Amino acid sequence: MTTPRQTLTAAHRKAKLEADLEGKFYRMVKGILRGEIVKIAPTETGIPDRLVVLPGARFHLVELKTETGVVSPKQKFVHAKYARLGVHVWVLEGEQAMLDWVADRQRLNN
């Protein structure tokens, strides 16, 4: 059985992983891709976390997850709704997926 202290510690570790991933993503988008990230306020559940704006009027909706993060049923519903409108939501699960996504955008930009 987990104690409240163990749960807090696990939650703290998860939050730190998410913050580290978020920071790396922000620095890579700003530095490598010369873009901007708009953190979308959580006004409705399921809405992607970020709007990434890149040179050339390219916009991407991005959901950033840790490797153990889970896309909720509501997020899946919203992503499918956007897909029907022709808008893709990128779900980047972990650091490697984030690195690959940035590398792909960099390659497409050159």
PDB file of N, CA and C in Angstrom:
ATOM      1  N   MET A   1       0.849  -1.189   0.000  1.00  0.00           N
ATOM      2  CA  MET A   1       0.000   0.000   0.000  1.00  0.00           C
ATOM      3  C   MET A   1       0.888   1.243   0.000  1.00  0.00           C
ATOM      4  N   THR A   2       0.508   2.227  -0.811  1.00  0.00           N
ATOM      5  CA  THR A   2       1.296   3.460  -0.856  1.00  0.00           C
ATOM      6  C   THR A   2       0.859   4.420   0.226  1.00  0.00           C
ATOM      7  N   THR A   3       1.832   5.083   0.783  1.00  0.00           N
ATOM      8  CA  THR A   3       1.542   6.087   1.797  1.00  0.00           C
ATOM      9  C   THR A   3       1.342   7.427   1.104  1.00  0.00           C
ATOM     10  N   PRO A   4       0.700   8.397   1.782  1.00  0.00           N
ATOM     11  CA  PRO A   4       0.537   9.724   1.181  1.00  0.00           C
ATOM     12  C   PRO A   4       1.880  10.336   0.777  1.00  0.00           C
ATOM     13  N   ARG A   5       2.931  10.093   1.559  1.00  0.00           N
ATOM     14  CA  ARG A   5       4.248  10.649   1.220  1.00  0.00           C
ATOM     15  C   ARG A   5       4.778  10.043  -0.079  1.00  0.00           C
ATOM     16  N   GLN A   6       4.611   8.725  -0.264  1.00  0.00           N
ATOM     17  CA  GLN A   6       5.056   8.086  -1.493  1.00  0.00           C
ATOM     18  C   GLN A   6       4.264   8.611  -2.692  1.00  0.00           C
ATOM     19  N   THR A   7       2.967   8.798  -2.508  1.00  0.00           N
ATOM     20  CA  THR A   7       2.126   9.325  -3.571  1.00  0.00           C
ATOM     21  C   THR A   7       2.556  10.733  -3.939  1.00  0.00           C
ATOM     22  N   LEU A   8       2.813  11.550  -2.950  1.00  0.00           N
ATOM     23  CA  LEU A   8       3.262  12.915  -3.207  1.00  0.00           C
ATOM     24  C   LEU A   8       4.589  12.898  -3.942  1.00  0.00           C
ATOM     25  N   THR A   9       5.482  12.034  -3.524  1.00  0.00           N
ATOM     26  CA  THR A   9       6.777  11.937  -4.173  1.00  0.00           C
ATOM     27  C   THR A   9       6.619  11.497  -5.626  1.00  0.00           C
ATOM     28  N   ALA A  10       5.773  10.533  -5.886  1.00  0.00           N
ATOM     29  CA  ALA A  10       5.527  10.078  -7.256  1.00  0.00           C
ATOM     30  C   ALA A  10       4.911  11.201  -8.087  1.00  0.00           C
ATOM     31  N   ALA A  11       3.956  11.907  -7.513  1.00  0.00           N
ATOM     32  CA  ALA A  11       3.332  13.036  -8.213  1.00  0.00           C
ATOM     33  C   ALA A  11       4.350  14.130  -8.481  1.00  0.00           C
ATOM     34  N   HIS A  12       5.227  14.370  -7.526  1.00  0.00           N
ATOM     35  CA  HIS A  12       6.268  15.377  -7.683  1.00  0.00           C
ATOM     36  C   HIS A  12       7.213  14.987  -8.827  1.00  0.00           C
ATOM     37  N   ARG A  13       7.606  13.703  -8.860  1.00  0.00           N
ATOM     38  CA  ARG A  13       8.496  13.232  -9.925  1.00  0.00           C
ATOM     39  C   ARG A  13       7.835  13.380 -11.291  1.00  0.00           C
ATOM     40  N   LYS A  14       6.554  13.045 -11.376  1.00  0.00           N
ATOM     41  CA  LYS A  14       5.826  13.158 -12.638  1.00  0.00           C
ATOM     42  C   LYS A  14       5.766  14.623 -13.078  1.00  0.00           C
ATOM     43  N   ALA A  15       5.465  15.519 -12.151  1.00  0.00           N
ATOM     44  CA  ALA A  15       5.407  16.945 -12.469  1.00  0.00           C
ATOM     45  C   ALA A  15       6.766  17.457 -12.933  1.00  0.00           C
ATOM     46  N   LYS A  16       7.839  16.986 -12.304  1.00  0.00           N
ATOM     47  CA  LYS A  16       9.182  17.405 -12.708  1.00  0.00           C
ATOM     48  C   LYS A  16       9.505  16.901 -14.103  1.00  0.00           C
ATOM     49  N   LEU A  17       9.159  15.636 -14.398  1.00  0.00           N
ATOM     50  CA  LEU A  17       9.378  15.103 -15.741  1.00  0.00           C
ATOM     51  C   LEU A  17       8.638  15.931 -16.786  1.00  0.00           C
ATOM     52  N   GLU A  18       7.380  16.258 -16.485  1.00  0.00           N
ATOM     53  CA  GLU A  18       6.579  17.062 -17.413  1.00  0.00           C
ATOM     54  C   GLU A  18       7.183  18.448 -17.598  1.00  0.00           C
ATOM     55  N   ALA A  19       7.621  19.064 -16.510  1.00  0.00           N
ATOM     56  CA  ALA A  19       8.221  20.406 -16.585  1.00  0.00           C
ATOM     57  C   ALA A  19       9.524  20.369 -17.371  1.00  0.00           C
ATOM     58  N   ASP A  20      10.342  19.348 -17.153  1.00  0.00           N
ATOM     59  CA  ASP A  20      11.598  19.214 -17.907  1.00  0.00           C
ATOM     60  C   ASP A  20      11.328  19.051 -19.396  1.00  0.00           C
ATOM     61  N   LEU A  21      10.368  18.202 -19.736  1.00  0.00           N
ATOM     62  CA  LEU A  21      10.007  17.974 -21.134  1.00  0.00           C
ATOM     63  C   LEU A  21       9.478  19.256 -21.764  1.00  0.00           C
ATOM     64  N   GLU A  22       8.612  19.940 -21.033  1.00  0.00           N
ATOM     65  CA  GLU A  22       8.044  21.206 -21.506  1.00  0.00           C
ATOM     66  C   GLU A  22       9.151  22.231 -21.771  1.00  0.00           C
ATOM     67  N   GLY A  23      10.102  22.344 -20.850  1.00  0.00           N
ATOM     68  CA  GLY A  23      11.199  23.300 -21.009  1.00  0.00           C
ATOM     69  C   GLY A  23      12.050  22.990 -22.223  1.00  0.00           C
ATOM     70  N   LYS A  24      12.380  21.725 -22.423  1.00  0.00           N
ATOM     71  CA  LYS A  24      13.169  21.324 -23.593  1.00  0.00           C
ATOM     72  C   LYS A  24      12.424  21.626 -24.883  1.00  0.00           C
ATOM     73  N   PHE A  25      11.128  21.312 -24.891  1.00  0.00           N
ATOM     74  CA  PHE A  25      10.321  21.555 -26.085  1.00  0.00           C
ATOM     75  C   PHE A  25      10.292  23.053 -26.403  1.00  0.00           C
ATOM     76  N   TYR A  26      10.070  23.862 -25.398  1.00  0.00           N
ATOM     77  CA  TYR A  26      10.022  25.312 -25.575  1.00  0.00           C
ATOM     78  C   TYR A  26      11.343  25.818 -26.162  1.00  0.00           C
ATOM     79  N   ARG A  27      12.469  25.389 -25.561  1.00  0.00           N
ATOM     80  CA  ARG A  27      13.778  25.854 -26.042  1.00  0.00           C
ATOM     81  C   ARG A  27      14.052  25.399 -27.476  1.00  0.00           C
ATOM     82  N   MET A  28      13.643  24.183 -27.813  1.00  0.00           N
ATOM     83  CA  MET A  28      13.879  23.678 -29.169  1.00  0.00           C
ATOM     84  C   MET A  28      13.022  24.412 -30.205  1.00  0.00           C
ATOM     85  N   VAL A  29      11.768  24.657 -29.876  1.00  0.00           N
ATOM     86  CA  VAL A  29      10.898  25.385 -30.814  1.00  0.00           C
ATOM     87  C   VAL A  29      11.417  26.803 -31.013  1.00  0.00           C
ATOM     88  N   LYS A  30      11.781  27.469 -29.924  1.00  0.00           N
ATOM     89  CA  LYS A  30      12.293  28.844 -30.031  1.00  0.00           C
ATOM     90  C   LYS A  30      13.656  28.885 -30.721  1.00  0.00           C
ATOM     91  N   GLY A  31      14.569  28.009 -30.295  1.00  0.00           N
ATOM     92  CA  GLY A  31      15.940  28.073 -30.772  1.00  0.00           C
ATOM     93  C   GLY A  31      16.172  27.432 -32.127  1.00  0.00           C
ATOM     94  N   ILE A  32      15.760  26.194 -32.274  1.00  0.00           N
ATOM     95  CA  ILE A  32      16.030  25.451 -33.512  1.00  0.00           C
ATOM     96  C   ILE A  32      15.049  25.829 -34.616  1.00  0.00           C
ATOM     97  N   LEU A  33      13.773  25.886 -34.276  1.00  0.00           N
ATOM     98  CA  LEU A  33      12.746  26.123 -35.299  1.00  0.00           C
ATOM     99  C   LEU A  33      12.394  27.591 -35.473  1.00  0.00           C
ATOM    100  N   ARG A  34      12.893  28.445 -34.579  1.00  0.00           N
ATOM    101  CA  ARG A  34      12.616  29.899 -34.629  1.00  0.00           C
ATOM    102  C   ARG A  34      11.116  30.178 -34.598  1.00  0.00           C
ATOM    103  N   GLY A  35      10.429  29.418 -33.753  1.00  0.00           N
ATOM    104  CA  GLY A  35       8.984  29.558 -33.647  1.00  0.00           C
ATOM    105  C   GLY A  35       8.555  30.067 -32.288  1.00  0.00           C
ATOM    106  N   GLU A  36       7.284  30.040 -32.071  1.00  0.00           N
ATOM    107  CA  GLU A  36       6.672  30.469 -30.815  1.00  0.00           C
ATOM    108  C   GLU A  36       5.721  29.374 -30.342  1.00  0.00           C
ATOM    109  N   ILE A  37       5.568  29.292 -29.031  1.00  0.00           N
ATOM    110  CA  ILE A  37       4.595  28.373 -28.450  1.00  0.00           C
ATOM    111  C   ILE A  37       3.579  29.184 -27.666  1.00  0.00           C
ATOM    112  N   VAL A  38       2.324  28.937 -27.955  1.00  0.00           N
ATOM    113  CA  VAL A  38       1.241  29.547 -27.198  1.00  0.00           C
ATOM    114  C   VAL A  38       0.658  28.442 -26.319  1.00  0.00           C
ATOM    115  N   LYS A  39       0.772  28.608 -25.012  1.00  0.00           N
ATOM    116  CA  LYS A  39       0.186  27.644 -24.076  1.00  0.00           C
ATOM    117  C   LYS A  39      -1.303  27.958 -24.021  1.00  0.00           C
ATOM    118  N   ILE A  40      -2.101  26.995 -24.402  1.00  0.00           N
ATOM    119  CA  ILE A  40      -3.546  27.197 -24.470  1.00  0.00           C
ATOM    120  C   ILE A  40      -4.142  27.001 -23.080  1.00  0.00           C
ATOM    121  N   ALA A  41      -4.895  27.981 -22.638  1.00  0.00           N
ATOM    122  CA  ALA A  41      -5.530  27.915 -21.318  1.00  0.00           C
ATOM    123  C   ALA A  41      -6.553  26.782 -21.304  1.00  0.00           C
ATOM    124  N   PRO A  42      -6.587  26.023 -20.221  1.00  0.00           N
ATOM    125  CA  PRO A  42      -7.509  24.885 -20.164  1.00  0.00           C
ATOM    126  C   PRO A  42      -8.951  25.320 -19.913  1.00  0.00           C
ATOM    127  N   THR A  43      -9.571  25.879 -20.949  1.00  0.00           N
ATOM    128  CA  THR A  43     -10.955  26.325 -20.806  1.00  0.00           C
ATOM    129  C   THR A  43     -11.943  25.188 -21.022  1.00  0.00           C
ATOM    130  N   GLU A  44     -11.501  24.162 -21.717  1.00  0.00           N
ATOM    131  CA  GLU A  44     -12.354  22.998 -21.984  1.00  0.00           C
ATOM    132  C   GLU A  44     -11.464  21.762 -21.957  1.00  0.00           C
ATOM    133  N   THR A  45     -11.892  20.721 -21.305  1.00  0.00           N
ATOM    134  CA  THR A  45     -11.082  19.509 -21.257  1.00  0.00           C
ATOM    135  C   THR A  45     -10.966  18.901 -22.650  1.00  0.00           C
ATOM    136  N   GLY A  46      -9.795  18.346 -22.915  1.00  0.00           N
ATOM    137  CA  GLY A  46      -9.559  17.692 -24.189  1.00  0.00           C
ATOM    138  C   GLY A  46      -8.870  18.545 -25.227  1.00  0.00           C
ATOM    139  N   ILE A  47      -8.848  19.861 -25.011  1.00  0.00           N
ATOM    140  CA  ILE A  47      -8.206  20.769 -25.960  1.00  0.00           C
ATOM    141  C   ILE A  47      -6.689  20.583 -25.870  1.00  0.00           C
ATOM    142  N   PRO A  48      -5.979  20.527 -27.009  1.00  0.00           N
ATOM    143  CA  PRO A  48      -4.521  20.379 -26.958  1.00  0.00           C
ATOM    144  C   PRO A  48      -3.869  21.502 -26.145  1.00  0.00           C
ATOM    145  N   ASP A  49      -2.734  21.172 -25.507  1.00  0.00           N
ATOM    146  CA  ASP A  49      -2.052  22.116 -24.613  1.00  0.00           C
ATOM    147  C   ASP A  49      -1.406  23.305 -25.322  1.00  0.00           C
ATOM    148  N   ARG A  50      -0.885  23.064 -26.523  1.00  0.00           N
ATOM    149  CA  ARG A  50      -0.043  24.062 -27.164  1.00  0.00           C
ATOM    150  C   ARG A  50      -0.411  24.313 -28.612  1.00  0.00           C
ATOM    151  N   LEU A  51      -0.260  25.571 -28.981  1.00  0.00           N
ATOM    152  CA  LEU A  51      -0.298  25.973 -30.382  1.00  0.00           C
ATOM    153  C   LEU A  51       1.129  26.375 -30.720  1.00  0.00           C
ATOM    154  N   VAL A  52       1.740  25.652 -31.657  1.00  0.00           N
ATOM    155  CA  VAL A  52       3.105  25.965 -32.079  1.00  0.00           C
ATOM    156  C   VAL A  52       3.002  26.728 -33.393  1.00  0.00           C
ATOM    157  N   VAL A  53       3.588  27.916 -33.420  1.00  0.00           N
ATOM    158  CA  VAL A  53       3.561  28.781 -34.596  1.00  0.00           C
ATOM    159  C   VAL A  53       4.979  28.832 -35.158  1.00  0.00           C
ATOM    160  N   LEU A  54       5.116  28.401 -36.405  1.00  0.00           N
ATOM    161  CA  LEU A  54       6.430  28.346 -37.046  1.00  0.00           C
ATOM    162  C   LEU A  54       6.483  29.295 -38.238  1.00  0.00           C
ATOM    163  N   PRO A  55       7.699  29.677 -38.638  1.00  0.00           N
ATOM    164  CA  PRO A  55       7.837  30.557 -39.808  1.00  0.00           C
ATOM    165  C   PRO A  55       7.114  29.970 -41.017  1.00  0.00           C
ATOM    166  N   GLY A  56       6.628  30.862 -41.871  1.00  0.00           N
ATOM    167  CA  GLY A  56       5.906  30.429 -43.063  1.00  0.00           C
ATOM    168  C   GLY A  56       4.435  30.190 -42.787  1.00  0.00           C
ATOM    169  N   ALA A  57       3.929  30.784 -41.717  1.00  0.00           N
ATOM    170  CA  ALA A  57       2.506  30.671 -41.354  1.00  0.00           C
ATOM    171  C   ALA A  57       2.096  29.224 -41.151  1.00  0.00           C
ATOM    172  N   ARG A  58       2.959  28.453 -40.474  1.00  0.00           N
ATOM    173  CA  ARG A  58       2.649  27.057 -40.171  1.00  0.00           C
ATOM    174  C   ARG A  58       2.245  26.955 -38.708  1.00  0.00           C
ATOM    175  N   PHE A  59       1.102  26.341 -38.478  1.00  0.00           N
ATOM    176  CA  PHE A  59       0.541  26.197 -37.140  1.00  0.00           C
ATOM    177  C   PHE A  59       0.365  24.717 -36.825  1.00  0.00           C
ATOM    178  N   HIS A  60       0.695  24.336 -35.585  1.00  0.00           N
ATOM    179  CA  HIS A  60       0.553  22.953 -35.166  1.00  0.00           C
ATOM    180  C   HIS A  60      -0.083  22.909 -33.781  1.00  0.00           C
ATOM    181  N   LEU A  61      -1.083  22.058 -33.605  1.00  0.00           N
ATOM    182  CA  LEU A  61      -1.630  21.785 -32.283  1.00  0.00           C
ATOM    183  C   LEU A  61      -0.858  20.609 -31.712  1.00  0.00           C
ATOM    184  N   VAL A  62      -0.300  20.787 -30.521  1.00  0.00           N
ATOM    185  CA  VAL A  62       0.570  19.771 -29.938  1.00  0.00           C
ATOM    186  C   VAL A  62       0.122  19.432 -28.526  1.00  0.00           C
ATOM    187  N   GLU A  63       0.036  18.136 -28.267  1.00  0.00           N
ATOM    188  CA  GLU A  63      -0.212  17.605 -26.930  1.00  0.00           C
ATOM    189  C   GLU A  63       1.073  16.920 -26.509  1.00  0.00           C
ATOM    190  N   LEU A  64       1.702  17.414 -25.455  1.00  0.00           N
ATOM    191  CA  LEU A  64       2.972  16.884 -24.983  1.00  0.00           C
ATOM    192  C   LEU A  64       2.720  15.985 -23.785  1.00  0.00           C
ATOM    193  N   LYS A  65       3.222  14.747 -23.867  1.00  0.00           N
ATOM    194  CA  LYS A  65       3.040  13.765 -22.796  1.00  0.00           C
ATOM    195  C   LYS A  65       4.394  13.181 -22.410  1.00  0.00           C
ATOM    196  N   THR A  66       4.507  12.736 -21.171  1.00  0.00           N
ATOM    197  CA  THR A  66       5.669  11.943 -20.794  1.00  0.00           C
ATOM    198  C   THR A  66       5.485  10.555 -21.402  1.00  0.00           C
ATOM    199  N   GLU A  67       6.527   9.717 -21.329  1.00  0.00           N
ATOM    200  CA  GLU A  67       6.411   8.368 -21.881  1.00  0.00           C
ATOM    201  C   GLU A  67       5.297   7.569 -21.218  1.00  0.00           C
ATOM    202  N   THR A  68       4.978   7.895 -19.985  1.00  0.00           N
ATOM    203  CA  THR A  68       3.916   7.171 -19.279  1.00  0.00           C
ATOM    204  C   THR A  68       2.593   7.926 -19.288  1.00  0.00           C
ATOM    205  N   GLY A  69       2.577   9.098 -19.929  1.00  0.00           N
ATOM    206  CA  GLY A  69       1.351   9.891 -19.998  1.00  0.00           C
ATOM    207  C   GLY A  69       0.305   9.196 -20.855  1.00  0.00           C
ATOM    208  N   VAL A  70      -0.932   9.505 -20.587  1.00  0.00           N
ATOM    209  CA  VAL A  70      -2.045   8.846 -21.276  1.00  0.00           C
ATOM    210  C   VAL A  70      -2.950   9.906 -21.898  1.00  0.00           C
ATOM    211  N   VAL A  71      -3.346   9.675 -23.129  1.00  0.00           N
ATOM    212  CA  VAL A  71      -4.329  10.539 -23.783  1.00  0.00           C
ATOM    213  C   VAL A  71      -5.694  10.127 -23.251  1.00  0.00           C
ATOM    214  N   SER A  72      -6.397  11.076 -22.666  1.00  0.00           N
ATOM    215  CA  SER A  72      -7.691  10.776 -22.050  1.00  0.00           C
ATOM    216  C   SER A  72      -8.758  10.524 -23.119  1.00  0.00           C
ATOM    217  N   PRO A  73      -9.841   9.872 -22.753  1.00  0.00           N
ATOM    218  CA  PRO A  73     -10.943   9.675 -23.710  1.00  0.00           C
ATOM    219  C   PRO A  73     -11.459  11.009 -24.266  1.00  0.00           C
ATOM    220  N   LYS A  74     -11.536  12.021 -23.423  1.00  0.00           N
ATOM    221  CA  LYS A  74     -12.003  13.336 -23.897  1.00  0.00           C
ATOM    222  C   LYS A  74     -11.024  13.913 -24.917  1.00  0.00           C
ATOM    223  N   GLN A  75      -9.713  13.763 -24.662  1.00  0.00           N
ATOM    224  CA  GLN A  75      -8.724  14.242 -25.630  1.00  0.00           C
ATOM    225  C   GLN A  75      -8.862  13.498 -26.956  1.00  0.00           C
ATOM    226  N   LYS A  76      -9.050  12.176 -26.897  1.00  0.00           N
ATOM    227  CA  LYS A  76      -9.231  11.400 -28.125  1.00  0.00           C
ATOM    228  C   LYS A  76     -10.443  11.886 -28.901  1.00  0.00           C
ATOM    229  N   PHE A  77     -11.519  12.192 -28.179  1.00  0.00           N
ATOM    230  CA  PHE A  77     -12.737  12.693 -28.814  1.00  0.00           C
ATOM    231  C   PHE A  77     -12.470  14.030 -29.517  1.00  0.00           C
ATOM    232  N   VAL A  78     -11.798  14.946 -28.813  1.00  0.00           N
ATOM    233  CA  VAL A  78     -11.499  16.271 -29.390  1.00  0.00           C
ATOM    234  C   VAL A  78     -10.559  16.132 -30.580  1.00  0.00           C
ATOM    235  N   HIS A  79      -9.534  15.290 -30.468  1.00  0.00           N
ATOM    236  CA  HIS A  79      -8.591  15.094 -31.570  1.00  0.00           C
ATOM    237  C   HIS A  79      -9.317  14.544 -32.801  1.00  0.00           C
ATOM    238  N   ALA A  80     -10.239  13.617 -32.594  1.00  0.00           N
ATOM    239  CA  ALA A  80     -11.014  13.058 -33.709  1.00  0.00           C
ATOM    240  C   ALA A  80     -11.912  14.120 -34.331  1.00  0.00           C
ATOM    241  N   LYS A  81     -12.490  14.963 -33.496  1.00  0.00           N
ATOM    242  CA  LYS A  81     -13.350  16.045 -33.994  1.00  0.00           C
ATOM    243  C   LYS A  81     -12.532  16.993 -34.881  1.00  0.00           C
ATOM    244  N   TYR A  82     -11.336  17.340 -34.431  1.00  0.00           N
ATOM    245  CA  TYR A  82     -10.458  18.207 -35.228  1.00  0.00           C
ATOM    246  C   TYR A  82     -10.021  17.514 -36.517  1.00  0.00           C
ATOM    247  N   ALA A  83      -9.751  16.209 -36.432  1.00  0.00           N
ATOM    248  CA  ALA A  83      -9.342  15.454 -37.619  1.00  0.00           C
ATOM    249  C   ALA A  83     -10.425  15.506 -38.693  1.00  0.00           C
ATOM    250  N   ARG A  84     -11.690  15.432 -38.263  1.00  0.00           N
ATOM    251  CA  ARG A  84     -12.794  15.529 -39.234  1.00  0.00           C
ATOM    252  C   ARG A  84     -12.822  16.891 -39.917  1.00  0.00           C
ATOM    253  N   LEU A  85     -12.228  17.892 -39.282  1.00  0.00           N
ATOM    254  CA  LEU A  85     -12.139  19.232 -39.868  1.00  0.00           C
ATOM    255  C   LEU A  85     -10.839  19.431 -40.650  1.00  0.00           C
ATOM    256  N   GLY A  86     -10.028  18.369 -40.703  1.00  0.00           N
ATOM    257  CA  GLY A  86      -8.769  18.443 -41.435  1.00  0.00           C
ATOM    258  C   GLY A  86      -7.601  18.986 -40.626  1.00  0.00           C
ATOM    259  N   VAL A  87      -7.753  19.032 -39.304  1.00  0.00           N
ATOM    260  CA  VAL A  87      -6.699  19.563 -38.427  1.00  0.00           C
ATOM    261  C   VAL A  87      -6.094  18.397 -37.639  1.00  0.00           C
ATOM    262  N   HIS A  88      -4.793  18.248 -37.765  1.00  0.00           N
ATOM    263  CA  HIS A  88      -4.099  17.171 -37.055  1.00  0.00           C
ATOM    264  C   HIS A  88      -3.610  17.671 -35.700  1.00  0.00           C
ATOM    265  N   VAL A  89      -3.782  16.867 -34.672  1.00  0.00           N
ATOM    266  CA  VAL A  89      -3.220  17.160 -33.350  1.00  0.00           C
ATOM    267  C   VAL A  89      -2.034  16.215 -33.163  1.00  0.00           C
ATOM    268  N   TRP A  90      -0.871  16.777 -32.936  1.00  0.00           N
ATOM    269  CA  TRP A  90       0.329  15.990 -32.698  1.00  0.00           C
ATOM    270  C   TRP A  90       0.382  15.608 -31.228  1.00  0.00           C
ATOM    271  N   VAL A  91       0.446  14.321 -30.947  1.00  0.00           N
ATOM    272  CA  VAL A  91       0.619  13.844 -29.577  1.00  0.00           C
ATOM    273  C   VAL A  91       2.047  13.323 -29.491  1.00  0.00           C
ATOM    274  N   LEU A  92       2.882  14.049 -28.751  1.00  0.00           N
ATOM    275  CA  LEU A  92       4.292  13.694 -28.613  1.00  0.00           C
ATOM    276  C   LEU A  92       4.485  13.043 -27.261  1.00  0.00           C
ATOM    277  N   GLU A  93       4.769  11.744 -27.281  1.00  0.00           N
ATOM    278  CA  GLU A  93       4.880  10.971 -26.043  1.00  0.00           C
ATOM    279  C   GLU A  93       6.344  10.743 -25.707  1.00  0.00           C
ATOM    280  N   GLY A  94       6.881  11.578 -24.848  1.00  0.00           N
ATOM    281  CA  GLY A  94       8.249  11.423 -24.393  1.00  0.00           C
ATOM    282  C   GLY A  94       9.245  12.244 -25.190  1.00  0.00           C
ATOM    283  N   GLU A  95      10.459  12.235 -24.671  1.00  0.00           N
ATOM    284  CA  GLU A  95      11.512  13.071 -25.247  1.00  0.00           C
ATOM    285  C   GLU A  95      11.882  12.657 -26.666  1.00  0.00           C
ATOM    286  N   GLN A  96      11.963  11.361 -26.954  1.00  0.00           N
ATOM    287  CA  GLN A  96      12.354  10.937 -28.299  1.00  0.00           C
ATOM    288  C   GLN A  96      11.331  11.376 -29.335  1.00  0.00           C
ATOM    289  N   ALA A  97      10.052  11.254 -29.023  1.00  0.00           N
ATOM    290  CA  ALA A  97       9.001  11.709 -29.951  1.00  0.00           C
ATOM    291  C   ALA A  97       9.111  13.215 -30.174  1.00  0.00           C
ATOM    292  N   MET A  98       9.421  13.953 -29.129  1.00  0.00           N
ATOM    293  CA  MET A  98       9.593  15.397 -29.235  1.00  0.00           C
ATOM    294  C   MET A  98      10.792  15.720 -30.126  1.00  0.00           C
ATOM    295  N   LEU A  99      11.921  15.046 -29.908  1.00  0.00           N
ATOM    296  CA  LEU A  99      13.124  15.271 -30.722  1.00  0.00           C
ATOM    297  C   LEU A  99      12.851  14.948 -32.190  1.00  0.00           C
ATOM    298  N   ASP A 100      12.159  13.842 -32.448  1.00  0.00           N
ATOM    299  CA  ASP A 100      11.827  13.453 -33.822  1.00  0.00           C
ATOM    300  C   ASP A 100      10.928  14.487 -34.484  1.00  0.00           C
ATOM    301  N   TRP A 101       9.931  14.983 -33.743  1.00  0.00           N
ATOM    302  CA  TRP A 101       9.005  15.969 -34.296  1.00  0.00           C
ATOM    303  C   TRP A 101       9.748  17.253 -34.670  1.00  0.00           C
ATOM    304  N   VAL A 102      10.615  17.710 -33.777  1.00  0.00           N
ATOM    305  CA  VAL A 102      11.384  18.936 -34.057  1.00  0.00           C
ATOM    306  C   VAL A 102      12.291  18.710 -35.258  1.00  0.00           C
ATOM    307  N   ALA A 103      12.969  17.563 -35.326  1.00  0.00           N
ATOM    308  CA  ALA A 103      13.851  17.262 -36.464  1.00  0.00           C
ATOM    309  C   ALA A 103      13.061  17.233 -37.781  1.00  0.00           C
ATOM    310  N   ASP A 104      11.869  16.642 -37.757  1.00  0.00           N
ATOM    311  CA  ASP A 104      11.027  16.612 -38.959  1.00  0.00           C
ATOM    312  C   ASP A 104      10.618  18.016 -39.391  1.00  0.00           C
ATOM    313  N   ARG A 105      10.220  18.857 -38.428  1.00  0.00           N
ATOM    314  CA  ARG A 105       9.838  20.220 -38.775  1.00  0.00           C
ATOM    315  C   ARG A 105      11.046  20.998 -39.323  1.00  0.00           C
ATOM    316  N   GLN A 106      12.224  20.748 -38.739  1.00  0.00           N
ATOM    317  CA  GLN A 106      13.441  21.424 -39.191  1.00  0.00           C
ATOM    318  C   GLN A 106      13.767  21.005 -40.638  1.00  0.00           C
ATOM    319  N   ARG A 107      13.663  19.714 -40.914  1.00  0.00           N
ATOM    320  CA  ARG A 107      13.936  19.212 -42.245  1.00  0.00           C
ATOM    321  C   ARG A 107      12.959  19.801 -43.261  1.00  0.00           C
ATOM    322  N   LEU A 108      11.688  19.888 -42.897  1.00  0.00           N
ATOM    323  CA  LEU A 108      10.669  20.429 -43.794  1.00  0.00           C
ATOM    324  C   LEU A 108      10.838  21.923 -44.015  1.00  0.00           C
ATOM    325  N   ASN A 109      11.451  22.608 -43.069  1.00  0.00           N
ATOM    326  CA  ASN A 109      11.637  24.057 -43.164  1.00  0.00           C
ATOM    327  C   ASN A 109      12.803  24.429 -44.063  1.00  0.00           C
ATOM    328  N   ASN A 110      13.720  23.503 -44.268  1.00  0.00           N
ATOM    329  CA  ASN A 110      14.924  23.816 -45.089  1.00  0.00           C
ATOM    330  C   ASN A 110      14.764  23.410 -46.517  1.00  0.00           C
TER     331      ASN A 110
END
